C-alpha atoms as a PDB file:
ATOM      1  CA  UNK A   1      20.262 -11.700   1.287  1.00  0.00           C
ATOM      2  CA  UNK A   2      23.173  -9.494   0.257  1.00  0.00           C
ATOM      3  CA  UNK A   3      22.566  -5.785   0.601  1.00  0.00           C
ATOM      4  CA  UNK A   4      21.389  -3.473  -0.776  1.00  0.00           C
ATOM      5  CA  UNK A   5      17.755  -4.501  -1.135  1.00  0.00           C
ATOM      6  CA  UNK A   6      15.525  -2.796  -3.692  1.00  0.00           C
ATOM      7  CA  UNK A   7      11.905  -2.276  -2.674  1.00  0.00           C
ATOM      8  CA  UNK A   8       9.223  -1.069  -5.089  1.00  0.00           C
ATOM      9  CA  UNK A   9       5.936   0.532  -4.034  1.00  0.00           C
ATOM     10  CA  UNK A  10       2.950   0.164  -6.387  1.00  0.00           C
ATOM     11  CA  UNK A  11      -0.704   0.910  -5.818  1.00  0.00           C
ATOM     12  CA  UNK A  12      -4.127   1.264  -7.421  1.00  0.00           C
ATOM     13  CA  UNK A  13      -3.437  -0.979 -10.393  1.00  0.00           C
ATOM     14  CA  UNK A  14      -7.184  -1.253 -11.178  1.00  0.00           C
ATOM     15  CA  UNK A  15      -7.046  -4.335 -13.390  1.00  0.00           C
ATOM     16  CA  UNK A  16     -10.385  -4.436 -15.239  1.00  0.00           C
ATOM     17  CA  UNK A  17     -10.686  -0.670 -15.608  1.00  0.00           C
ATOM     18  CA  UNK A  18      -9.463  -0.541 -19.215  1.00  0.00           C
ATOM     19  CA  UNK A  19      -7.091  -2.095 -21.716  1.00  0.00           C
ATOM     20  CA  UNK A  20      -4.735   0.856 -21.122  1.00  0.00           C
ATOM     21  CA  UNK A  21      -4.457   0.028 -17.416  1.00  0.00           C
ATOM     22  CA  UNK A  22      -3.672  -3.591 -18.237  1.00  0.00           C
ATOM     23  CA  UNK A  23      -0.956  -2.575 -20.686  1.00  0.00           C
ATOM     24  CA  UNK A  24       0.485  -0.248 -18.042  1.00  0.00           C
ATOM     25  CA  UNK A  25       0.614  -3.213 -15.636  1.00  0.00           C
ATOM     26  CA  UNK A  26       2.734  -5.129 -18.149  1.00  0.00           C
ATOM     27  CA  UNK A  27       5.069  -2.135 -18.497  1.00  0.00           C
ATOM     28  CA  UNK A  28       5.392  -1.947 -14.713  1.00  0.00           C
ATOM     29  CA  UNK A  29       6.241  -5.630 -14.594  1.00  0.00           C
ATOM     30  CA  UNK A  30       8.937  -5.183 -17.221  1.00  0.00           C
ATOM     31  CA  UNK A  31      10.579  -2.380 -15.231  1.00  0.00           C
ATOM     32  CA  UNK A  32      10.438  -4.454 -12.050  1.00  0.00           C
ATOM     33  CA  UNK A  33      12.289  -7.198 -13.908  1.00  0.00           C
ATOM     34  CA  UNK A  34      14.846  -4.810 -15.345  1.00  0.00           C
ATOM     35  CA  UNK A  35      15.675  -3.278 -11.960  1.00  0.00           C
ATOM     36  CA  UNK A  36      15.865  -6.685 -10.265  1.00  0.00           C
ATOM     37  CA  UNK A  37      13.500  -5.686  -7.479  1.00  0.00           C
ATOM     38  CA  UNK A  38      13.814  -7.693  -4.270  1.00  0.00           C
ATOM     39  CA  UNK A  39      10.442  -6.794  -2.701  1.00  0.00           C
ATOM     40  CA  UNK A  40       7.276  -5.327  -4.179  1.00  0.00           C
ATOM     41  CA  UNK A  41       4.599  -3.757  -1.982  1.00  0.00           C
ATOM     42  CA  UNK A  42       1.205  -3.202  -3.661  1.00  0.00           C
ATOM     43  CA  UNK A  43      -1.121  -1.114  -1.504  1.00  0.00           C
ATOM     44  CA  UNK A  44      -4.586  -2.043  -2.713  1.00  0.00           C
ATOM     45  CA  UNK A  45      -7.143  -1.487  -5.447  1.00  0.00           C
ATOM     46  CA  UNK A  46      -5.556  -4.290  -7.411  1.00  0.00           C
ATOM     47  CA  UNK A  47      -8.843  -4.727  -9.276  1.00  0.00           C
ATOM     48  CA  UNK A  48     -11.478  -2.326 -10.561  1.00  0.00           C
ATOM     49  CA  UNK A  49     -14.603  -4.344  -9.748  1.00  0.00           C
ATOM     50  CA  UNK A  50     -13.354  -6.881  -7.202  1.00  0.00           C
ATOM     51  CA  UNK A  51     -13.930  -9.753  -9.622  1.00  0.00           C
ATOM     52  CA  UNK A  52     -12.162 -13.097  -9.464  1.00  0.00           C
ATOM     53  CA  UNK A  53     -11.129 -12.916 -13.122  1.00  0.00           C
ATOM     54  CA  UNK A  54      -9.545  -9.481 -12.601  1.00  0.00           C
ATOM     55  CA  UNK A  55      -7.560 -10.784  -9.650  1.00  0.00           C
ATOM     56  CA  UNK A  56      -6.467 -13.811 -11.696  1.00  0.00           C
ATOM     57  CA  UNK A  57      -5.191 -11.454 -14.411  1.00  0.00           C
ATOM     58  CA  UNK A  58      -3.187  -9.502 -11.830  1.00  0.00           C
ATOM     59  CA  UNK A  59      -1.717 -12.773 -10.555  1.00  0.00           C
ATOM     60  CA  UNK A  60      -0.798 -13.793 -14.102  1.00  0.00           C
ATOM     61  CA  UNK A  61       0.918 -10.476 -14.886  1.00  0.00           C
ATOM     62  CA  UNK A  62       3.001 -10.512 -11.691  1.00  0.00           C
ATOM     63  CA  UNK A  63       3.245 -14.316 -11.365  1.00  0.00           C
ATOM     64  CA  UNK A  64       7.039 -14.503 -11.137  1.00  0.00           C
ATOM     65  CA  UNK A  65       7.121 -12.114  -8.164  1.00  0.00           C
ATOM     66  CA  UNK A  66       4.220 -13.803  -6.400  1.00  0.00           C
ATOM     67  CA  UNK A  67       5.567 -17.324  -6.805  1.00  0.00           C
ATOM     68  CA  UNK A  68       8.921 -16.552  -5.189  1.00  0.00           C
ATOM     69  CA  UNK A  69       7.453 -14.488  -2.343  1.00  0.00           C
ATOM     70  CA  UNK A  70       8.703 -11.109  -3.504  1.00  0.00           C
ATOM     71  CA  UNK A  71       5.265  -9.470  -3.802  1.00  0.00           C
ATOM     72  CA  UNK A  72       3.132  -8.353  -0.857  1.00  0.00           C
ATOM     73  CA  UNK A  73      -0.346  -6.970  -1.513  1.00  0.00           C
ATOM     74  CA  UNK A  74      -3.040  -5.534   0.744  1.00  0.00           C
ATOM     75  CA  UNK A  75      -6.683  -5.042  -0.306  1.00  0.00           C
ATOM     76  CA  UNK A  76      -8.281  -1.752  -1.260  1.00  0.00           C
ATOM     77  CA  UNK A  77     -11.918  -0.662  -1.341  1.00  0.00           C
ATOM     78  CA  UNK A  78     -12.321  -1.642  -5.021  1.00  0.00           C
ATOM     79  CA  UNK A  79     -11.228  -5.169  -4.119  1.00  0.00           C
ATOM     80  CA  UNK A  80     -14.290  -5.417  -1.856  1.00  0.00           C
ATOM     81  CA  UNK A  81     -16.669  -5.006  -4.787  1.00  0.00           C
ATOM     82  CA  UNK A  82     -18.065  -7.800  -6.953  1.00  0.00           C
ATOM     83  CA  UNK A  83     -16.686 -11.147  -5.797  1.00  0.00           C
ATOM     84  CA  UNK A  84     -14.965  -9.488  -2.813  1.00  0.00           C
ATOM     85  CA  UNK A  85     -11.510 -10.783  -3.663  1.00  0.00           C
ATOM     86  CA  UNK A  86     -10.224  -8.864  -0.620  1.00  0.00           C
ATOM     87  CA  UNK A  87     -11.354 -11.764   1.564  1.00  0.00           C
ATOM     88  CA  UNK A  88      -8.717 -13.988  -0.052  1.00  0.00           C
ATOM     89  CA  UNK A  89      -5.846 -11.635   0.760  1.00  0.00           C
ATOM     90  CA  UNK A  90      -3.680 -11.556   3.906  1.00  0.00           C
ATOM     91  CA  UNK A  91      -5.012 -15.013   4.768  1.00  0.00           C
ATOM     92  CA  UNK A  92      -8.217 -13.341   5.888  1.00  0.00           C
ATOM     93  CA  UNK A  93      -6.417 -11.413   8.635  1.00  0.00           C
ATOM     94  CA  UNK A  94      -6.542  -7.696   9.392  1.00  0.00           C
ATOM     95  CA  UNK A  95      -2.848  -7.591  10.206  1.00  0.00           C
ATOM     96  CA  UNK A  96      -0.174  -9.864   8.815  1.00  0.00           C
ATOM     97  CA  UNK A  97       3.542  -9.882   9.606  1.00  0.00           C
ATOM     98  CA  UNK A  98       5.887 -10.775   6.740  1.00  0.00           C
ATOM     99  CA  UNK A  99       9.575 -11.048   7.602  1.00  0.00           C
ATOM    100  CA  UNK A 100      12.670 -11.093   5.418  1.00  0.00           C
ATOM    101  CA  UNK A 101      16.343 -10.765   6.372  1.00  0.00           C
ATOM    102  CA  UNK A 102      16.717  -7.250   7.779  1.00  0.00           C
ATOM    103  CA  UNK A 103      13.153  -6.283   6.868  1.00  0.00           C
ATOM    104  CA  UNK A 104       9.647  -6.642   8.279  1.00  0.00           C
ATOM    105  CA  UNK A 105       6.509  -5.680   6.363  1.00  0.00           C
ATOM    106  CA  UNK A 106       3.326  -5.294   8.402  1.00  0.00           C
ATOM    107  CA  UNK A 107       0.436  -5.658   5.966  1.00  0.00           C
ATOM    108  CA  UNK A 108      -2.864  -4.111   7.108  1.00  0.00           C
ATOM    109  CA  UNK A 109      -6.383  -4.451   5.719  1.00  0.00           C
ATOM    110  CA  UNK A 110      -8.108  -1.055   6.100  1.00  0.00           C
ATOM    111  CA  UNK A 111     -11.215  -1.985   4.112  1.00  0.00           C
ATOM    112  CA  UNK A 112     -14.646  -2.458   5.679  1.00  0.00           C
ATOM    113  CA  UNK A 113     -18.029  -3.949   4.901  1.00  0.00           C
ATOM    114  CA  UNK A 114     -19.231  -0.536   3.702  1.00  0.00           C
ATOM    115  CA  UNK A 115     -16.736  -0.828   0.828  1.00  0.00           C
ATOM    116  CA  UNK A 116     -19.105  -3.310  -0.812  1.00  0.00           C
ATOM    117  CA  UNK A 117     -20.758  -0.147  -2.166  1.00  0.00           C
ATOM    118  CA  UNK A 118     -18.675   1.673  -4.785  1.00  0.00           C
ATOM    119  CA  UNK A 119     -19.637   5.146  -3.529  1.00  0.00           C
ATOM    120  CA  UNK A 120     -18.371   4.383  -0.016  1.00  0.00           C
ATOM    121  CA  UNK A 121     -14.641   4.112  -0.568  1.00  0.00           C
ATOM    122  CA  UNK A 122     -13.335   5.365   2.779  1.00  0.00           C
ATOM    123  CA  UNK A 123     -11.319   3.143   5.083  1.00  0.00           C
ATOM    124  CA  UNK A 124     -11.910   1.498   8.437  1.00  0.00           C
ATOM    125  CA  UNK A 125      -9.479   1.414  11.340  1.00  0.00           C
ATOM    126  CA  UNK A 126     -10.182   0.736  15.015  1.00  0.00           C
ATOM    127  CA  UNK A 127      -8.183   0.685  18.247  1.00  0.00           C
ATOM    128  CA  UNK A 128      -8.004  -3.106  18.279  1.00  0.00           C
ATOM    129  CA  UNK A 129      -6.262  -3.172  14.891  1.00  0.00           C
ATOM    130  CA  UNK A 130      -3.956  -0.315  15.913  1.00  0.00           C
ATOM    131  CA  UNK A 131      -2.982  -2.198  19.061  1.00  0.00           C
ATOM    132  CA  UNK A 132      -2.221  -5.292  16.987  1.00  0.00           C
ATOM    133  CA  UNK A 133      -0.072  -3.288  14.566  1.00  0.00           C
ATOM    134  CA  UNK A 134       1.776  -1.709  17.484  1.00  0.00           C
ATOM    135  CA  UNK A 135       2.313  -5.114  19.083  1.00  0.00           C
ATOM    136  CA  UNK A 136       3.714  -6.575  15.871  1.00  0.00           C
ATOM    137  CA  UNK A 137       5.995  -3.566  15.350  1.00  0.00           C
ATOM    138  CA  UNK A 138       7.262  -3.878  18.928  1.00  0.00           C
ATOM    139  CA  UNK A 139       8.164  -7.536  18.321  1.00  0.00           C
ATOM    140  CA  UNK A 140      10.554  -6.707  15.471  1.00  0.00           C
ATOM    141  CA  UNK A 141      14.271  -6.612  16.230  1.00  0.00           C
ATOM    142  CA  UNK A 142      15.257  -2.915  16.524  1.00  0.00           C
ATOM    143  CA  UNK A 143      17.968  -3.208  13.871  1.00  0.00           C
ATOM    144  CA  UNK A 144      15.449  -4.344  11.228  1.00  0.00           C
ATOM    145  CA  UNK A 145      13.715  -1.988   8.817  1.00  0.00           C
ATOM    146  CA  UNK A 146       9.925  -1.807   9.314  1.00  0.00           C
ATOM    147  CA  UNK A 147       7.296  -1.007   6.679  1.00  0.00           C
ATOM    148  CA  UNK A 148       3.566  -0.726   7.366  1.00  0.00           C
ATOM    149  CA  UNK A 149       1.543  -1.221   4.185  1.00  0.00           C
ATOM    150  CA  UNK A 150      -2.128  -0.232   3.968  1.00  0.00           C
ATOM    151  CA  UNK A 151      -4.492   1.112   1.339  1.00  0.00           C
ATOM    152  CA  UNK A 152      -6.232   4.158   2.811  1.00  0.00           C
ATOM    153  CA  UNK A 153      -4.442   7.385   3.670  1.00  0.00           C
ATOM    154  CA  UNK A 154      -3.734   7.941   7.383  1.00  0.00           C
ATOM    155  CA  UNK A 155      -3.238  11.696   6.957  1.00  0.00           C
ATOM    156  CA  UNK A 156      -5.495  14.274   5.345  1.00  0.00           C
ATOM    157  CA  UNK A 157      -5.050  14.719   1.604  1.00  0.00           C
ATOM    158  CA  UNK A 158      -6.820  16.977  -0.909  1.00  0.00           C
ATOM    159  CA  UNK A 159     -10.015  15.725  -2.535  1.00  0.00           C
ATOM    160  CA  UNK A 160      -9.537  14.567  -6.119  1.00  0.00           C
ATOM    161  CA  UNK A 161     -13.053  14.746  -7.514  1.00  0.00           C
ATOM    162  CA  UNK A 162     -15.988  17.143  -7.288  1.00  0.00           C
ATOM    163  CA  UNK A 163     -18.148  14.516  -5.583  1.00  0.00           C
ATOM    164  CA  UNK A 164     -15.495  14.172  -2.868  1.00  0.00           C
ATOM    165  CA  UNK A 165     -15.466  17.916  -2.266  1.00  0.00           C
ATOM    166  CA  UNK A 166     -19.252  17.858  -1.963  1.00  0.00           C
ATOM    167  CA  UNK A 167     -19.051  14.912   0.442  1.00  0.00           C
ATOM    168  CA  UNK A 168     -16.529  16.760   2.601  1.00  0.00           C
ATOM    169  CA  UNK A 169     -18.704  19.876   2.595  1.00  0.00           C
ATOM    170  CA  UNK A 170     -21.594  17.840   3.983  1.00  0.00           C
ATOM    171  CA  UNK A 171     -19.223  16.211   6.513  1.00  0.00           C
ATOM    172  CA  UNK A 172     -19.538  12.658   5.216  1.00  0.00           C
ATOM    173  CA  UNK A 173     -16.471  10.373   5.513  1.00  0.00           C
ATOM    174  CA  UNK A 174     -16.188   9.362   1.843  1.00  0.00           C
ATOM    175  CA  UNK A 175     -13.051  11.409   1.093  1.00  0.00           C
ATOM    176  CA  UNK A 176     -11.620  11.598   4.598  1.00  0.00           C
ATOM    177  CA  UNK A 177      -8.434  10.066   5.917  1.00  0.00           C
ATOM    178  CA  UNK A 178      -8.563   7.096   8.260  1.00  0.00           C
ATOM    179  CA  UNK A 179     -10.421   8.153  11.386  1.00  0.00           C
ATOM    180  CA  UNK A 180      -7.622   6.960  13.672  1.00  0.00           C
ATOM    181  CA  UNK A 181      -4.785   7.579  11.229  1.00  0.00           C
ATOM    182  CA  UNK A 182      -2.992  10.106  13.423  1.00  0.00           C
ATOM    183  CA  UNK A 183      -3.236   7.759  16.395  1.00  0.00           C
ATOM    184  CA  UNK A 184      -1.697   4.982  14.300  1.00  0.00           C
ATOM    185  CA  UNK A 185       1.225   7.204  13.334  1.00  0.00           C
ATOM    186  CA  UNK A 186       1.722   8.249  16.939  1.00  0.00           C
ATOM    187  CA  UNK A 187       1.806   4.609  18.067  1.00  0.00           C
ATOM    188  CA  UNK A 188       4.335   3.725  15.366  1.00  0.00           C
ATOM    189  CA  UNK A 189       6.736   6.521  16.275  1.00  0.00           C
ATOM    190  CA  UNK A 190      10.141   5.008  16.971  1.00  0.00           C
ATOM    191  CA  UNK A 191       9.037   1.547  15.796  1.00  0.00           C
ATOM    192  CA  UNK A 192       8.473   2.026  12.067  1.00  0.00           C
ATOM    193  CA  UNK A 193      10.399   3.533   9.156  1.00  0.00           C
ATOM    194  CA  UNK A 194       7.897   3.676   6.293  1.00  0.00           C
ATOM    195  CA  UNK A 195       4.116   3.810   5.953  1.00  0.00           C
ATOM    196  CA  UNK A 196       3.157   3.020   2.365  1.00  0.00           C
ATOM    197  CA  UNK A 197      -0.381   3.561   1.073  1.00  0.00           C
ATOM    198  CA  UNK A 198      -2.447   4.357  -1.985  1.00  0.00           C
ATOM    199  CA  UNK A 199      -6.135   5.191  -2.512  1.00  0.00           C
ATOM    200  CA  UNK A 200      -5.462   8.733  -3.697  1.00  0.00           C
ATOM    201  CA  UNK A 201      -4.336   8.626  -7.316  1.00  0.00           C
ATOM    202  CA  UNK A 202      -1.740  11.373  -7.031  1.00  0.00           C
ATOM    203  CA  UNK A 203       1.557  10.856  -5.219  1.00  0.00           C
ATOM    204  CA  UNK A 204       2.462  12.478  -1.914  1.00  0.00           C
ATOM    205  CA  UNK A 205       5.067  12.147   0.802  1.00  0.00           C
ATOM    206  CA  UNK A 206       5.187  13.246   4.436  1.00  0.00           C
ATOM    207  CA  UNK A 207       8.186  13.121   6.764  1.00  0.00           C
ATOM    208  CA  UNK A 208       7.599  12.860  10.493  1.00  0.00           C
ATOM    209  CA  UNK A 209      10.540  13.475  12.814  1.00  0.00           C
ATOM    210  CA  UNK A 210      10.612  11.382  15.987  1.00  0.00           C
ATOM    211  CA  UNK A 211      13.188  11.044  18.715  1.00  0.00           C
ATOM    212  CA  UNK A 212      14.122   7.440  17.982  1.00  0.00           C
ATOM    213  CA  UNK A 213      13.867   7.197  14.189  1.00  0.00           C
ATOM    214  CA  UNK A 214      12.348   9.122  11.314  1.00  0.00           C
ATOM    215  CA  UNK A 215       8.998   7.972   9.947  1.00  0.00           C
ATOM    216  CA  UNK A 216       8.122   8.592   6.305  1.00  0.00           C
ATOM    217  CA  UNK A 217       4.629   8.313   4.805  1.00  0.00           C
ATOM    218  CA  UNK A 218       4.389   7.755   1.059  1.00  0.00           C
ATOM    219  CA  UNK A 219       1.368   7.618  -1.215  1.00  0.00           C
ATOM    220  CA  UNK A 220       2.194   5.771  -4.446  1.00  0.00           C
ATOM    221  CA  UNK A 221      -0.708   7.266  -6.382  1.00  0.00           C
ATOM    222  CA  UNK A 222      -2.067   5.044  -9.140  1.00  0.00           C
ATOM    223  CA  UNK A 223       0.902   3.247 -10.677  1.00  0.00           C
ATOM    224  CA  UNK A 224      -0.982   2.368 -13.877  1.00  0.00           C
ATOM    225  CA  UNK A 225      -2.205   5.949 -14.248  1.00  0.00           C
ATOM    226  CA  UNK A 226       1.116   7.620 -13.474  1.00  0.00           C
ATOM    227  CA  UNK A 227       3.165   4.977 -15.342  1.00  0.00           C
ATOM    228  CA  UNK A 228       5.766   4.945 -12.583  1.00  0.00           C
ATOM    229  CA  UNK A 229       6.609   3.607  -9.134  1.00  0.00           C
ATOM    230  CA  UNK A 230       8.888   4.584  -6.271  1.00  0.00           C
ATOM    231  CA  UNK A 231      12.039   2.607  -5.662  1.00  0.00           C
ATOM    232  CA  UNK A 232      13.520   2.455  -2.155  1.00  0.00           C
ATOM    233  CA  UNK A 233      17.074   1.232  -1.559  1.00  0.00           C
ATOM    234  CA  UNK A 234      17.645  -0.437   1.784  1.00  0.00           C
ATOM    235  CA  UNK A 235      21.171  -1.015   3.054  1.00  0.00           C
ATOM    236  CA  UNK A 236      22.109  -2.210   6.526  1.00  0.00           C
ATOM    237  CA  UNK A 237      18.624  -1.716   7.934  1.00  0.00           C
ATOM    238  CA  UNK A 238      18.331   1.876   6.702  1.00  0.00           C
ATOM    239  CA  UNK A 239      17.430   3.770   3.552  1.00  0.00           C
ATOM    240  CA  UNK A 240      20.697   4.455   1.795  1.00  0.00           C
ATOM    241  CA  UNK A 241      19.242   7.383  -0.162  1.00  0.00           C
ATOM    242  CA  UNK A 242      16.012   9.177  -0.979  1.00  0.00           C
ATOM    243  CA  UNK A 243      13.591   7.073  -3.040  1.00  0.00           C
ATOM    244  CA  UNK A 244      13.580   7.559  -6.800  1.00  0.00           C
ATOM    245  CA  UNK A 245      10.817   7.312  -9.373  1.00  0.00           C
ATOM    246  CA  UNK A 246      11.092   4.615 -12.038  1.00  0.00           C
ATOM    247  CA  UNK A 247       9.179   5.500 -15.180  1.00  0.00           C
ATOM    248  CA  UNK A 248       7.553   2.840 -17.347  1.00  0.00           C
ATOM    249  CA  UNK A 249       6.943   5.012 -20.406  1.00  0.00           C
END
């Protein structure tokens, strides 16, 4: 593929939530077409209730990107509800390596069996999965750009809702970051360029300086709520500039 490559990060589409969210998904699709996006990373909560029909609608809206292999999606906690469409994603694996010329995306499933209950939305991450992610990252040619895509936030972020603040006060994990999120980031130092996630519906970015290469952590927020997505431009195995927001309104 000729450079530069354009990579879009979407998250928390929540198909099935409302007609407004569905219309926003169509607007997102139109902007992806207009900007001739090469790769699309969707970091979970594709559906609202985890139903098969909601997932089918998502696949219909973004069909052109799915059919030609441009779209990569990981499951979120909402995708574990209902029909548990999460089980059909990533070929049933916890970690999946997807390679393109000059780029490797490591897709990670951070959902757990507890996510079958809507009030237990926190993620699950263990040392075995971290070791697998690290092993995959280590196998990538050093000149290639590496993205780790997962749903739940690896670093602490502010609670969004009152119930989350109450849960944190009583020291329950509902609103907390991934238990081993900091360990994951430490393991990826020098082997990864971007960690992309969602779950929290506002956007956030964190830059982590390492000796070998900088690591950036981006939360997309809810793309259908914010009506926008981040666009990364990759040239020669590196980001050629800071990411920009593409508005769909």
